[in-house]
PDB file of N, CA and C in Angstrom:
ATOM      1  N   MET A   1      12.603 -78.240  46.416  1.00  0.00           N
ATOM      2  CA  MET A   1      12.646 -76.941  45.739  1.00  0.00           C
ATOM      3  C   MET A   1      13.592 -75.979  46.460  1.00  0.00           C
ATOM      4  N   LEU A   2      13.426 -75.863  47.777  1.00  0.00           N
ATOM      5  CA  LEU A   2      14.274 -74.966  48.565  1.00  0.00           C
ATOM      6  C   LEU A   2      15.731 -75.433  48.533  1.00  0.00           C
ATOM      7  N   TYR A   3      15.915 -76.748  48.566  1.00  0.00           N
ATOM      8  CA  TYR A   3      17.263 -77.319  48.498  1.00  0.00           C
ATOM      9  C   TYR A   3      17.938 -76.963  47.166  1.00  0.00           C
ATOM     10  N   THR A   4      17.184 -77.031  46.092  1.00  0.00           N
ATOM     11  CA  THR A   4      17.708 -76.701  44.758  1.00  0.00           C
ATOM     12  C   THR A   4      18.142 -75.238  44.692  1.00  0.00           C
ATOM     13  N   ILE A   5      17.307 -74.348  45.207  1.00  0.00           N
ATOM     14  CA  ILE A   5      17.627 -72.919  45.213  1.00  0.00           C
ATOM     15  C   ILE A   5      18.875 -72.658  46.056  1.00  0.00           C
ATOM     16  N   ALA A   6      18.962 -73.299  47.208  1.00  0.00           N
ATOM     17  CA  ALA A   6      20.124 -73.139  48.080  1.00  0.00           C
ATOM     18  C   ALA A   6      21.392 -73.642  47.388  1.00  0.00           C
ATOM     19  N   THR A   7      21.297 -74.756  46.686  1.00  0.00           N
ATOM     20  CA  THR A   7      22.433 -75.309  45.954  1.00  0.00           C
ATOM     21  C   THR A   7      22.885 -74.356  44.852  1.00  0.00           C
ATOM     22  N   ILE A   8      21.926 -73.844  44.098  1.00  0.00           N
ATOM     23  CA  ILE A   8      22.253 -72.907  43.019  1.00  0.00           C
ATOM     24  C   ILE A   8      22.906 -71.651  43.586  1.00  0.00           C
ATOM     25  N   LEU A   9      22.358 -71.107  44.653  1.00  0.00           N
ATOM     26  CA  LEU A   9      22.945 -69.930  45.301  1.00  0.00           C
ATOM     27  C   LEU A   9      24.351 -70.222  45.805  1.00  0.00           C
ATOM     28  N   GLY A  10      24.550 -71.396  46.379  1.00  0.00           N
ATOM     29  CA  GLY A  10      25.873 -71.787  46.862  1.00  0.00           C
ATOM     30  C   GLY A  10      26.891 -71.848  45.740  1.00  0.00           C
ATOM     31  N   VAL A  11      26.494 -72.420  44.607  1.00  0.00           N
ATOM     32  CA  VAL A  11      27.379 -72.510  43.442  1.00  0.00           C
ATOM     33  C   VAL A  11      27.721 -71.112  42.934  1.00  0.00           C
ATOM     34  N   ILE A  12      26.732 -70.237  42.857  1.00  0.00           N
ATOM     35  CA  ILE A  12      26.960 -68.860  42.395  1.00  0.00           C
ATOM     36  C   ILE A  12      27.929 -68.143  43.333  1.00  0.00           C
ATOM     37  N   ILE A  13      27.748 -68.286  44.618  1.00  0.00           N
ATOM     38  CA  ILE A  13      28.629 -67.638  45.596  1.00  0.00           C
ATOM     39  C   ILE A  13      30.051 -68.175  45.484  1.00  0.00           C
ATOM     40  N   LEU A  14      30.194 -69.493  45.380  1.00  0.00           N
ATOM     41  CA  LEU A  14      31.526 -70.091  45.239  1.00  0.00           C
ATOM     42  C   LEU A  14      32.214 -69.634  43.958  1.00  0.00           C
ATOM     43  N   TYR A  15      31.469 -69.584  42.856  1.00  0.00           N
ATOM     44  CA  TYR A  15      32.032 -69.127  41.581  1.00  0.00           C
ATOM     45  C   TYR A  15      32.476 -67.670  41.688  1.00  0.00           C
ATOM     46  N   THR A  16      31.649 -66.826  42.299  1.00  0.00           N
ATOM     47  CA  THR A  16      31.974 -65.409  42.471  1.00  0.00           C
ATOM     48  C   THR A  16      33.242 -65.244  43.306  1.00  0.00           C
ATOM     49  N   LEU A  17      33.348 -65.994  44.392  1.00  0.00           N
ATOM     50  CA  LEU A  17      34.545 -65.939  45.236  1.00  0.00           C
ATOM     51  C   LEU A  17      35.779 -66.418  44.476  1.00  0.00           C
ATOM     52  N   TYR A  18      35.629 -67.489  43.711  1.00  0.00           N
ATOM     53  CA  TYR A  18      36.743 -67.998  42.909  1.00  0.00           C
ATOM     54  C   TYR A  18      37.218 -66.945  41.913  1.00  0.00           C
ATOM     55  N   MET A  19      36.277 -66.325  41.207  1.00  0.00           N
ATOM     56  CA  MET A  19      36.625 -65.304  40.209  1.00  0.00           C
ATOM     57  C   MET A  19      37.290 -64.102  40.886  1.00  0.00           C
ATOM     58  N   TYR A  20      36.777 -63.695  42.024  1.00  0.00           N
ATOM     59  CA  TYR A  20      37.334 -62.547  42.743  1.00  0.00           C
ATOM     60  C   TYR A  20      38.788 -62.800  43.121  1.00  0.00           C
ATOM     61  N   PHE A  21      39.069 -63.955  43.734  1.00  0.00           N
ATOM     62  CA  PHE A  21      40.426 -64.229  44.202  1.00  0.00           C
ATOM     63  C   PHE A  21      41.390 -64.535  43.055  1.00  0.00           C
ATOM     64  N   SER A  22      40.916 -65.193  41.997  1.00  0.00           N
ATOM     65  CA  SER A  22      41.822 -65.443  40.868  1.00  0.00           C
ATOM     66  C   SER A  22      42.117 -64.144  40.127  1.00  0.00           C
ATOM     67  N   GLN A  23      41.146 -63.226  40.067  1.00  0.00           N
ATOM     68  CA  GLN A  23      41.386 -61.925  39.440  1.00  0.00           C
ATOM     69  C   GLN A  23      42.325 -61.088  40.296  1.00  0.00           C
ATOM     70  N   LYS A  24      42.165 -61.165  41.600  1.00  0.00           N
ATOM     71  CA  LYS A  24      43.025 -60.410  42.518  1.00  0.00           C
ATOM     72  C   LYS A  24      44.479 -60.859  42.374  1.00  0.00           C
ATOM     73  N   LYS A  25      44.679 -62.130  42.104  1.00  0.00           N
ATOM     74  CA  LYS A  25      46.025 -62.686  41.915  1.00  0.00           C
ATOM     75  C   LYS A  25      46.610 -62.265  40.563  1.00  0.00           C
ATOM     76  N   ALA A  26      45.759 -62.131  39.542  1.00  0.00           N
ATOM     77  CA  ALA A  26      46.224 -61.889  38.179  1.00  0.00           C
ATOM     78  C   ALA A  26      46.514 -60.427  37.868  1.00  0.00           C
ATOM     79  N   VAL A  27      45.761 -59.494  38.438  1.00  0.00           N
ATOM     80  CA  VAL A  27      45.835 -58.102  37.993  1.00  0.00           C
ATOM     81  C   VAL A  27      45.782 -57.133  39.164  1.00  0.00           C
ATOM     82  N   LYS A  28      46.500 -56.026  39.021  1.00  0.00           N
ATOM     83  CA  LYS A  28      46.471 -54.987  40.047  1.00  0.00           C
ATOM     84  C   LYS A  28      45.598 -53.838  39.548  1.00  0.00           C
ATOM     85  N   PRO A  29      44.502 -53.537  40.255  1.00  0.00           N
ATOM     86  CA  PRO A  29      43.677 -52.396  39.856  1.00  0.00           C
ATOM     87  C   PRO A  29      44.363 -51.081  40.227  1.00  0.00           C
ATOM     88  N   LEU A  30      44.304 -50.112  39.323  1.00  0.00           N
ATOM     89  CA  LEU A  30      44.937 -48.813  39.548  1.00  0.00           C
ATOM     90  C   LEU A  30      43.901 -47.694  39.508  1.00  0.00           C
ATOM     91  N   SER A  31      44.114 -46.673  40.334  1.00  0.00           N
ATOM     92  CA  SER A  31      43.290 -45.463  40.255  1.00  0.00           C
ATOM     93  C   SER A  31      43.684 -44.739  38.969  1.00  0.00           C
ATOM     94  N   GLN A  32      42.897 -43.757  38.567  1.00  0.00           N
ATOM     95  CA  GLN A  32      43.235 -43.015  37.342  1.00  0.00           C
ATOM     96  C   GLN A  32      44.606 -42.362  37.471  1.00  0.00           C
ATOM     97  N   GLU A  33      44.942 -41.816  38.633  1.00  0.00           N
ATOM     98  CA  GLU A  33      46.233 -41.157  38.838  1.00  0.00           C
ATOM     99  C   GLU A  33      47.383 -42.152  38.668  1.00  0.00           C
ATOM    100  N   GLU A  34      47.248 -43.334  39.258  1.00  0.00           N
ATOM    101  CA  GLU A  34      48.282 -44.368  39.131  1.00  0.00           C
ATOM    102  C   GLU A  34      48.377 -44.841  37.680  1.00  0.00           C
ATOM    103  N   PHE A  35      47.230 -44.991  37.031  1.00  0.00           N
ATOM    104  CA  PHE A  35      47.163 -45.442  35.639  1.00  0.00           C
ATOM    105  C   PHE A  35      47.890 -44.454  34.735  1.00  0.00           C
ATOM    106  N   ILE A  36      47.642 -43.158  34.924  1.00  0.00           N
ATOM    107  CA  ILE A  36      48.262 -42.110  34.108  1.00  0.00           C
ATOM    108  C   ILE A  36      49.782 -42.127  34.247  1.00  0.00           C
ATOM    109  N   LYS A  37      50.277 -42.414  35.457  1.00  0.00           N
ATOM    110  CA  LYS A  37      51.733 -42.429  35.689  1.00  0.00           C
ATOM    111  C   LYS A  37      52.453 -43.485  34.860  1.00  0.00           C
ATOM    112  N   GLY A  38      51.786 -44.599  34.536  1.00  0.00           N
ATOM    113  CA  GLY A  38      52.496 -45.692  33.888  1.00  0.00           C
ATOM    114  C   GLY A  38      52.042 -46.128  32.518  1.00  0.00           C
ATOM    115  N   TYR A  39      50.868 -45.681  32.070  1.00  0.00           N
ATOM    116  CA  TYR A  39      50.339 -46.278  30.835  1.00  0.00           C
ATOM    117  C   TYR A  39      51.112 -45.918  29.572  1.00  0.00           C
ATOM    118  N   ARG A  40      51.835 -44.811  29.557  1.00  0.00           N
ATOM    119  CA  ARG A  40      52.582 -44.431  28.350  1.00  0.00           C
ATOM    120  C   ARG A  40      53.801 -45.331  28.124  1.00  0.00           C
ATOM    121  N   LYS A  41      54.298 -45.952  29.198  1.00  0.00           N
ATOM    122  CA  LYS A  41      55.457 -46.837  29.078  1.00  0.00           C
ATOM    123  C   LYS A  41      55.027 -48.297  28.905  1.00  0.00           C
ATOM    124  N   ALA A  42      53.736 -48.540  28.891  1.00  0.00           N
ATOM    125  CA  ALA A  42      53.215 -49.902  28.836  1.00  0.00           C
ATOM    126  C   ALA A  42      52.449 -50.139  27.534  1.00  0.00           C
ATOM    127  N   GLN A  43      52.025 -51.385  27.337  1.00  0.00           N
ATOM    128  CA  GLN A  43      51.126 -51.720  26.240  1.00  0.00           C
ATOM    129  C   GLN A  43      49.717 -51.396  26.742  1.00  0.00           C
ATOM    130  N   LEU A  44      49.069 -50.425  26.137  1.00  0.00           N
ATOM    131  CA  LEU A  44      47.744 -49.986  26.571  1.00  0.00           C
ATOM    132  C   LEU A  44      46.690 -50.648  25.695  1.00  0.00           C
ATOM    133  N   ILE A  45      45.882 -51.502  26.309  1.00  0.00           N
ATOM    134  CA  ILE A  45      44.902 -52.295  25.566  1.00  0.00           C
ATOM    135  C   ILE A  45      43.487 -51.975  26.052  1.00  0.00           C
ATOM    136  N   ASP A  46      42.634 -51.599  25.101  1.00  0.00           N
ATOM    137  CA  ASP A  46      41.207 -51.378  25.344  1.00  0.00           C
ATOM    138  C   ASP A  46      40.502 -52.661  24.934  1.00  0.00           C
ATOM    139  N   VAL A  47      39.860 -53.342  25.874  1.00  0.00           N
ATOM    140  CA  VAL A  47      39.235 -54.636  25.578  1.00  0.00           C
ATOM    141  C   VAL A  47      37.744 -54.522  25.256  1.00  0.00           C
ATOM    142  N   ARG A  48      37.279 -53.292  25.032  1.00  0.00           N
ATOM    143  CA  ARG A  48      35.877 -53.095  24.649  1.00  0.00           C
ATOM    144  C   ARG A  48      35.691 -53.444  23.172  1.00  0.00           C
ATOM    145  N   GLU A  49      34.451 -53.522  22.742  1.00  0.00           N
ATOM    146  CA  GLU A  49      34.141 -53.828  21.343  1.00  0.00           C
ATOM    147  C   GLU A  49      34.500 -52.630  20.451  1.00  0.00           C
ATOM    148  N   PRO A  50      34.762 -52.866  19.157  1.00  0.00           N
ATOM    149  CA  PRO A  50      35.187 -51.790  18.255  1.00  0.00           C
ATOM    150  C   PRO A  50      34.279 -50.559  18.240  1.00  0.00           C
ATOM    151  N   ASN A  51      32.957 -50.753  18.296  1.00  0.00           N
ATOM    152  CA  ASN A  51      32.057 -49.591  18.285  1.00  0.00           C
ATOM    153  C   ASN A  51      32.227 -48.735  19.539  1.00  0.00           C
ATOM    154  N   GLU A  52      32.493 -49.360  20.688  1.00  0.00           N
ATOM    155  CA  GLU A  52      32.748 -48.613  21.932  1.00  0.00           C
ATOM    156  C   GLU A  52      34.077 -47.850  21.809  1.00  0.00           C
ATOM    157  N   PHE A  53      35.082 -48.521  21.255  1.00  0.00           N
ATOM    158  CA  PHE A  53      36.409 -47.932  21.080  1.00  0.00           C
ATOM    159  C   PHE A  53      36.334 -46.703  20.175  1.00  0.00           C
ATOM    160  N   GLU A  54      35.616 -46.822  19.059  1.00  0.00           N
ATOM    161  CA  GLU A  54      35.501 -45.713  18.112  1.00  0.00           C
ATOM    162  C   GLU A  54      34.738 -44.531  18.691  1.00  0.00           C
ATOM    163  N   ALA A  55      33.829 -44.787  19.609  1.00  0.00           N
ATOM    164  CA  ALA A  55      33.062 -43.700  20.240  1.00  0.00           C
ATOM    165  C   ALA A  55      33.953 -42.854  21.156  1.00  0.00           C
ATOM    166  N   GLY A  56      35.062 -43.426  21.600  1.00  0.00           N
ATOM    167  CA  GLY A  56      36.001 -42.705  22.444  1.00  0.00           C
ATOM    168  C   GLY A  56      36.893 -43.674  23.197  1.00  0.00           C
ATOM    169  N   HIS A  57      38.206 -43.379  23.202  1.00  0.00           N
ATOM    170  CA  HIS A  57      39.165 -44.238  23.900  1.00  0.00           C
ATOM    171  C   HIS A  57      40.326 -43.404  24.417  1.00  0.00           C
ATOM    172  N   ILE A  58      41.094 -43.986  25.325  1.00  0.00           N
ATOM    173  CA  ILE A  58      42.263 -43.317  25.877  1.00  0.00           C
ATOM    174  C   ILE A  58      43.306 -43.178  24.771  1.00  0.00           C
ATOM    175  N   LEU A  59      43.865 -41.989  24.662  1.00  0.00           N
ATOM    176  CA  LEU A  59      44.865 -41.685  23.642  1.00  0.00           C
ATOM    177  C   LEU A  59      46.018 -42.697  23.717  1.00  0.00           C
ATOM    178  N   GLY A  60      46.322 -43.342  22.599  1.00  0.00           N
ATOM    179  CA  GLY A  60      47.420 -44.304  22.539  1.00  0.00           C
ATOM    180  C   GLY A  60      47.014 -45.754  22.741  1.00  0.00           C
ATOM    181  N   ALA A  61      45.734 -46.004  22.986  1.00  0.00           N
ATOM    182  CA  ALA A  61      45.271 -47.373  23.237  1.00  0.00           C
ATOM    183  C   ALA A  61      45.101 -48.160  21.942  1.00  0.00           C
ATOM    184  N   ARG A  62      45.333 -49.472  22.039  1.00  0.00           N
ATOM    185  CA  ARG A  62      45.037 -50.402  20.947  1.00  0.00           C
ATOM    186  C   ARG A  62      43.767 -51.134  21.317  1.00  0.00           C
ATOM    187  N   ASN A  63      42.936 -51.414  20.334  1.00  0.00           N
ATOM    188  CA  ASN A  63      41.682 -52.121  20.591  1.00  0.00           C
ATOM    189  C   ASN A  63      41.847 -53.605  20.302  1.00  0.00           C
ATOM    190  N   ILE A  64      41.817 -54.399  21.363  1.00  0.00           N
ATOM    191  CA  ILE A  64      41.780 -55.857  21.235  1.00  0.00           C
ATOM    192  C   ILE A  64      40.609 -56.312  22.113  1.00  0.00           C
ATOM    193  N   PRO A  65      39.420 -56.440  21.511  1.00  0.00           N
ATOM    194  CA  PRO A  65      38.235 -56.802  22.292  1.00  0.00           C
ATOM    195  C   PRO A  65      38.406 -58.119  23.051  1.00  0.00           C
ATOM    196  N   LEU A  66      37.806 -58.192  24.218  1.00  0.00           N
ATOM    197  CA  LEU A  66      37.859 -59.416  25.020  1.00  0.00           C
ATOM    198  C   LEU A  66      37.399 -60.613  24.195  1.00  0.00           C
ATOM    199  N   THR A  67      36.396 -60.409  23.337  1.00  0.00           N
ATOM    200  CA  THR A  67      35.867 -61.499  22.517  1.00  0.00           C
ATOM    201  C   THR A  67      36.885 -62.021  21.498  1.00  0.00           C
ATOM    202  N   GLN A  68      37.933 -61.238  21.200  1.00  0.00           N
ATOM    203  CA  GLN A  68      38.961 -61.651  20.241  1.00  0.00           C
ATOM    204  C   GLN A  68      40.309 -61.924  20.907  1.00  0.00           C
ATOM    205  N   LEU A  69      40.384 -61.760  22.211  1.00  0.00           N
ATOM    206  CA  LEU A  69      41.665 -61.818  22.919  1.00  0.00           C
ATOM    207  C   LEU A  69      42.430 -63.114  22.688  1.00  0.00           C
ATOM    208  N   LYS A  70      41.764 -64.243  22.785  1.00  0.00           N
ATOM    209  CA  LYS A  70      42.469 -65.520  22.646  1.00  0.00           C
ATOM    210  C   LYS A  70      43.099 -65.689  21.273  1.00  0.00           C
ATOM    211  N   THR A  71      42.461 -65.171  20.231  1.00  0.00           N
ATOM    212  CA  THR A  71      43.011 -65.311  18.876  1.00  0.00           C
ATOM    213  C   THR A  71      44.028 -64.217  18.547  1.00  0.00           C
ATOM    214  N   ARG A  72      44.039 -63.127  19.317  1.00  0.00           N
ATOM    215  CA  ARG A  72      44.953 -62.006  19.035  1.00  0.00           C
ATOM    216  C   ARG A  72      46.021 -61.806  20.110  1.00  0.00           C
ATOM    217  N   MET A  73      46.154 -62.784  20.981  1.00  0.00           N
ATOM    218  CA  MET A  73      47.079 -62.671  22.107  1.00  0.00           C
ATOM    219  C   MET A  73      48.523 -62.426  21.676  1.00  0.00           C
ATOM    220  N   LYS A  74      48.905 -62.942  20.505  1.00  0.00           N
ATOM    221  CA  LYS A  74      50.285 -62.766  20.027  1.00  0.00           C
ATOM    222  C   LYS A  74      50.617 -61.302  19.740  1.00  0.00           C
ATOM    223  N   GLU A  75      49.604 -60.433  19.676  1.00  0.00           N
ATOM    224  CA  GLU A  75      49.834 -58.997  19.482  1.00  0.00           C
ATOM    225  C   GLU A  75      50.300 -58.309  20.763  1.00  0.00           C
ATOM    226  N   ILE A  76      50.221 -59.017  21.881  1.00  0.00           N
ATOM    227  CA  ILE A  76      50.606 -58.454  23.177  1.00  0.00           C
ATOM    228  C   ILE A  76      51.865 -59.158  23.664  1.00  0.00           C
ATOM    229  N   ARG A  77      52.914 -58.381  23.902  1.00  0.00           N
ATOM    230  CA  ARG A  77      54.192 -58.965  24.339  1.00  0.00           C
ATOM    231  C   ARG A  77      54.120 -59.362  25.816  1.00  0.00           C
ATOM    232  N   PRO A  78      54.480 -60.616  26.135  1.00  0.00           N
ATOM    233  CA  PRO A  78      54.437 -61.065  27.537  1.00  0.00           C
ATOM    234  C   PRO A  78      55.559 -60.488  28.397  1.00  0.00           C
ATOM    235  N   ASP A  79      56.626 -59.962  27.767  1.00  0.00           N
ATOM    236  CA  ASP A  79      57.772 -59.440  28.519  1.00  0.00           C
ATOM    237  C   ASP A  79      57.619 -57.952  28.852  1.00  0.00           C
ATOM    238  N   LYS A  80      56.524 -57.337  28.451  1.00  0.00           N
ATOM    239  CA  LYS A  80      56.298 -55.916  28.723  1.00  0.00           C
ATOM    240  C   LYS A  80      55.047 -55.732  29.588  1.00  0.00           C
ATOM    241  N   THR A  81      55.028 -54.636  30.318  1.00  0.00           N
ATOM    242  CA  THR A  81      53.883 -54.298  31.157  1.00  0.00           C
ATOM    243  C   THR A  81      52.636 -54.096  30.300  1.00  0.00           C
ATOM    244  N   VAL A  82      51.501 -54.589  30.791  1.00  0.00           N
ATOM    245  CA  VAL A  82      50.230 -54.462  30.077  1.00  0.00           C
ATOM    246  C   VAL A  82      49.237 -53.697  30.956  1.00  0.00           C
ATOM    247  N   TYR A  83      48.694 -52.609  30.400  1.00  0.00           N
ATOM    248  CA  TYR A  83      47.637 -51.829  31.046  1.00  0.00           C
ATOM    249  C   TYR A  83      46.353 -52.090  30.273  1.00  0.00           C
ATOM    250  N   LEU A  84      45.332 -52.539  30.971  1.00  0.00           N
ATOM    251  CA  LEU A  84      44.058 -52.891  30.354  1.00  0.00           C
ATOM    252  C   LEU A  84      42.949 -51.981  30.865  1.00  0.00           C
ATOM    253  N   TYR A  85      41.959 -51.764  30.025  1.00  0.00           N
ATOM    254  CA  TYR A  85      40.741 -51.107  30.506  1.00  0.00           C
ATOM    255  C   TYR A  85      39.564 -51.492  29.624  1.00  0.00           C
ATOM    256  N   CYS A  86      38.372 -51.342  30.193  1.00  0.00           N
ATOM    257  CA  CYS A  86      37.121 -51.562  29.474  1.00  0.00           C
ATOM    258  C   CYS A  86      36.161 -50.466  29.926  1.00  0.00           C
ATOM    259  N   GLN A  87      34.876 -50.680  29.813  1.00  0.00           N
ATOM    260  CA  GLN A  87      33.924 -49.631  30.185  1.00  0.00           C
ATOM    261  C   GLN A  87      33.815 -49.482  31.699  1.00  0.00           C
ATOM    262  N   SER A  88      33.781 -50.614  32.435  1.00  0.00           N
ATOM    263  CA  SER A  88      33.560 -50.533  33.881  1.00  0.00           C
ATOM    264  C   SER A  88      34.608 -51.249  34.732  1.00  0.00           C
ATOM    265  N   GLY A  89      35.467 -52.053  34.113  1.00  0.00           N
ATOM    266  CA  GLY A  89      36.492 -52.786  34.850  1.00  0.00           C
ATOM    267  C   GLY A  89      36.262 -54.279  34.908  1.00  0.00           C
ATOM    268  N   ILE A  90      35.103 -54.737  34.475  1.00  0.00           N
ATOM    269  CA  ILE A  90      34.792 -56.174  34.542  1.00  0.00           C
ATOM    270  C   ILE A  90      35.497 -56.943  33.422  1.00  0.00           C
ATOM    271  N   ARG A  91      35.348 -56.485  32.184  1.00  0.00           N
ATOM    272  CA  ARG A  91      35.982 -57.190  31.052  1.00  0.00           C
ATOM    273  C   ARG A  91      37.496 -57.127  31.132  1.00  0.00           C
ATOM    274  N   SER A  92      38.043 -55.999  31.586  1.00  0.00           N
ATOM    275  CA  SER A  92      39.508 -55.909  31.687  1.00  0.00           C
ATOM    276  C   SER A  92      40.026 -56.876  32.749  1.00  0.00           C
ATOM    277  N   GLY A  93      39.265 -57.097  33.798  1.00  0.00           N
ATOM    278  CA  GLY A  93      39.637 -58.100  34.805  1.00  0.00           C
ATOM    279  C   GLY A  93      39.648 -59.499  34.212  1.00  0.00           C
ATOM    280  N   ARG A  94      38.638 -59.793  33.402  1.00  0.00           N
ATOM    281  CA  ARG A  94      38.584 -61.105  32.736  1.00  0.00           C
ATOM    282  C   ARG A  94      39.736 -61.259  31.740  1.00  0.00           C
ATOM    283  N   ALA A  95      40.027 -60.180  31.017  1.00  0.00           N
ATOM    284  CA  ALA A  95      41.138 -60.216  30.057  1.00  0.00           C
ATOM    285  C   ALA A  95      42.450 -60.495  30.791  1.00  0.00           C
ATOM    286  N   ALA A  96      42.628 -59.864  31.943  1.00  0.00           N
ATOM    287  CA  ALA A  96      43.841 -60.073  32.731  1.00  0.00           C
ATOM    288  C   ALA A  96      43.951 -61.535  33.182  1.00  0.00           C
ATOM    289  N   GLN A  97      42.842 -62.126  33.588  1.00  0.00           N
ATOM    290  CA  GLN A  97      42.860 -63.535  33.989  1.00  0.00           C
ATOM    291  C   GLN A  97      43.292 -64.419  32.820  1.00  0.00           C
ATOM    292  N   THR A  98      42.772 -64.134  31.641  1.00  0.00           N
ATOM    293  CA  THR A  98      43.125 -64.900  30.443  1.00  0.00           C
ATOM    294  C   THR A  98      44.617 -64.772  30.154  1.00  0.00           C
ATOM    295  N   LEU A  99      45.121 -63.546  30.197  1.00  0.00           N
ATOM    296  CA  LEU A  99      46.546 -63.311  29.941  1.00  0.00           C
ATOM    297  C   LEU A  99      47.414 -63.967  31.016  1.00  0.00           C
ATOM    298  N   TYR A 100      46.985 -63.875  32.274  1.00  0.00           N
ATOM    299  CA  TYR A 100      47.735 -64.465  33.384  1.00  0.00           C
ATOM    300  C   TYR A 100      47.891 -65.976  33.184  1.00  0.00           C
ATOM    301  N   LYS A 101      46.816 -66.627  32.757  1.00  0.00           N
ATOM    302  CA  LYS A 101      46.860 -68.074  32.517  1.00  0.00           C
ATOM    303  C   LYS A 101      47.859 -68.440  31.423  1.00  0.00           C
ATOM    304  N   LYS A 102      48.142 -67.485  30.518  1.00  0.00           N
ATOM    305  CA  LYS A 102      49.079 -67.729  29.421  1.00  0.00           C
ATOM    306  C   LYS A 102      50.486 -67.237  29.737  1.00  0.00           C
ATOM    307  N   GLY A 103      50.734 -66.865  30.986  1.00  0.00           N
ATOM    308  CA  GLY A 103      52.090 -66.521  31.393  1.00  0.00           C
ATOM    309  C   GLY A 103      52.409 -65.040  31.520  1.00  0.00           C
ATOM    310  N   TYR A 104      51.459 -64.168  31.226  1.00  0.00           N
ATOM    311  CA  TYR A 104      51.676 -62.730  31.404  1.00  0.00           C
ATOM    312  C   TYR A 104      51.606 -62.422  32.896  1.00  0.00           C
ATOM    313  N   ARG A 105      52.531 -61.586  33.387  1.00  0.00           N
ATOM    314  CA  ARG A 105      52.566 -61.331  34.822  1.00  0.00           C
ATOM    315  C   ARG A 105      52.451 -59.863  35.212  1.00  0.00           C
ATOM    316  N   ASP A 106      52.899 -58.958  34.375  1.00  0.00           N
ATOM    317  CA  ASP A 106      52.924 -57.536  34.722  1.00  0.00           C
ATOM    318  C   ASP A 106      51.636 -56.876  34.216  1.00  0.00           C
ATOM    319  N   LEU A 107      50.508 -57.163  34.893  1.00  0.00           N
ATOM    320  CA  LEU A 107      49.179 -56.766  34.433  1.00  0.00           C
ATOM    321  C   LEU A 107      48.518 -55.771  35.380  1.00  0.00           C
ATOM    322  N   TYR A 108      47.944 -54.728  34.801  1.00  0.00           N
ATOM    323  CA  TYR A 108      47.252 -53.689  35.562  1.00  0.00           C
ATOM    324  C   TYR A 108      45.970 -53.323  34.826  1.00  0.00           C
ATOM    325  N   HIS A 109      44.947 -52.892  35.578  1.00  0.00           N
ATOM    326  CA  HIS A 109      43.757 -52.394  34.896  1.00  0.00           C
ATOM    327  C   HIS A 109      43.188 -51.191  35.629  1.00  0.00           C
ATOM    328  N   LEU A 110      42.447 -50.377  34.862  1.00  0.00           N
ATOM    329  CA  LEU A 110      41.882 -49.126  35.347  1.00  0.00           C
ATOM    330  C   LEU A 110      40.661 -49.405  36.210  1.00  0.00           C
ATOM    331  N   ARG A 111      40.775 -49.101  37.499  1.00  0.00           N
ATOM    332  CA  ARG A 111      39.660 -49.292  38.428  1.00  0.00           C
ATOM    333  C   ARG A 111      38.488 -48.401  38.001  1.00  0.00           C
ATOM    334  N   GLY A 112      37.318 -49.001  37.843  1.00  0.00           N
ATOM    335  CA  GLY A 112      36.135 -48.242  37.434  1.00  0.00           C
ATOM    336  C   GLY A 112      35.979 -48.100  35.933  1.00  0.00           C
ATOM    337  N   GLY A 113      37.038 -48.406  35.179  1.00  0.00           N
ATOM    338  CA  GLY A 113      36.967 -48.406  33.729  1.00  0.00           C
ATOM    339  C   GLY A 113      36.893 -47.042  33.071  1.00  0.00           C
ATOM    340  N   PHE A 114      36.632 -47.061  31.770  1.00  0.00           N
ATOM    341  CA  PHE A 114      36.623 -45.863  30.945  1.00  0.00           C
ATOM    342  C   PHE A 114      35.541 -44.873  31.381  1.00  0.00           C
ATOM    343  N   LYS A 115      34.446 -45.374  31.934  1.00  0.00           N
ATOM    344  CA  LYS A 115      33.370 -44.454  32.336  1.00  0.00           C
ATOM    345  C   LYS A 115      33.809 -43.519  33.464  1.00  0.00           C
ATOM    346  N   GLN A 116      34.876 -43.875  34.194  1.00  0.00           N
ATOM    347  CA  GLN A 116      35.418 -43.030  35.254  1.00  0.00           C
ATOM    348  C   GLN A 116      36.557 -42.133  34.758  1.00  0.00           C
ATOM    349  N   TRP A 117      37.026 -42.362  33.536  1.00  0.00           N
ATOM    350  CA  TRP A 117      38.198 -41.677  32.982  1.00  0.00           C
ATOM    351  C   TRP A 117      37.903 -40.201  32.718  1.00  0.00           C
ATOM    352  N   THR A 118      38.800 -39.324  33.167  1.00  0.00           N
ATOM    353  CA  THR A 118      38.667 -37.890  32.898  1.00  0.00           C
ATOM    354  C   THR A 118      39.867 -37.346  32.143  1.00  0.00           C
ATOM    355  N   GLY A 119      40.790 -38.231  31.748  1.00  0.00           N
ATOM    356  CA  GLY A 119      41.983 -37.819  31.012  1.00  0.00           C
ATOM    357  C   GLY A 119      41.699 -37.626  29.526  1.00  0.00           C
ATOM    358  N   LYS A 120      42.785 -37.547  28.734  1.00  0.00           N
ATOM    359  CA  LYS A 120      42.653 -37.323  27.294  1.00  0.00           C
ATOM    360  C   LYS A 120      41.956 -38.481  26.610  1.00  0.00           C
ATOM    361  N   VAL A 121      41.086 -38.126  25.662  1.00  0.00           N
ATOM    362  CA  VAL A 121      40.290 -39.106  24.928  1.00  0.00           C
ATOM    363  C   VAL A 121      40.383 -38.804  23.436  1.00  0.00           C
ATOM    364  N   LYS A 122      40.403 -39.868  22.647  1.00  0.00           N
ATOM    365  CA  LYS A 122      40.369 -39.720  21.188  1.00  0.00           C
ATOM    366  C   LYS A 122      39.121 -40.428  20.687  1.00  0.00           C
ATOM    367  N   SER A 123      38.435 -39.801  19.740  1.00  0.00           N
ATOM    368  CA  SER A 123      37.278 -40.479  19.127  1.00  0.00           C
ATOM    369  C   SER A 123      37.301 -40.234  17.625  1.00  0.00           C
ATOM    370  N   LYS A 124      36.600 -41.100  16.904  1.00  0.00           N
ATOM    371  CA  LYS A 124      36.581 -40.994  15.434  1.00  0.00           C
ATOM    372  C   LYS A 124      35.346 -40.238  14.998  1.00  0.00           C
TER     373      LYS A 124
END
């Protein structure tokens, strides 16, 4: 029993470390100030679900939910800078990993996500 728990914990730790380092390689996290300096010249993608996006999003963002990213990837140009964000920074990190695996290289995401954002917001 104890051996099983230790094995499961070991697998979880290894997976977490793998995800951390592969995400660190794929995407550069930016503070809000750094994000504001560059997002207008980049493709700004909100990877939250449509209901979250409609409740409020960064002005100029396109909504491509993480759950639809693989089928909508052709909407994002690989030759242009991509700025990603979600609610807390977790989904945007995953989105960046997905894009990185498909050859996208100029990837950035908002550290702390939309919940930390104090800039301009648009809502429906």
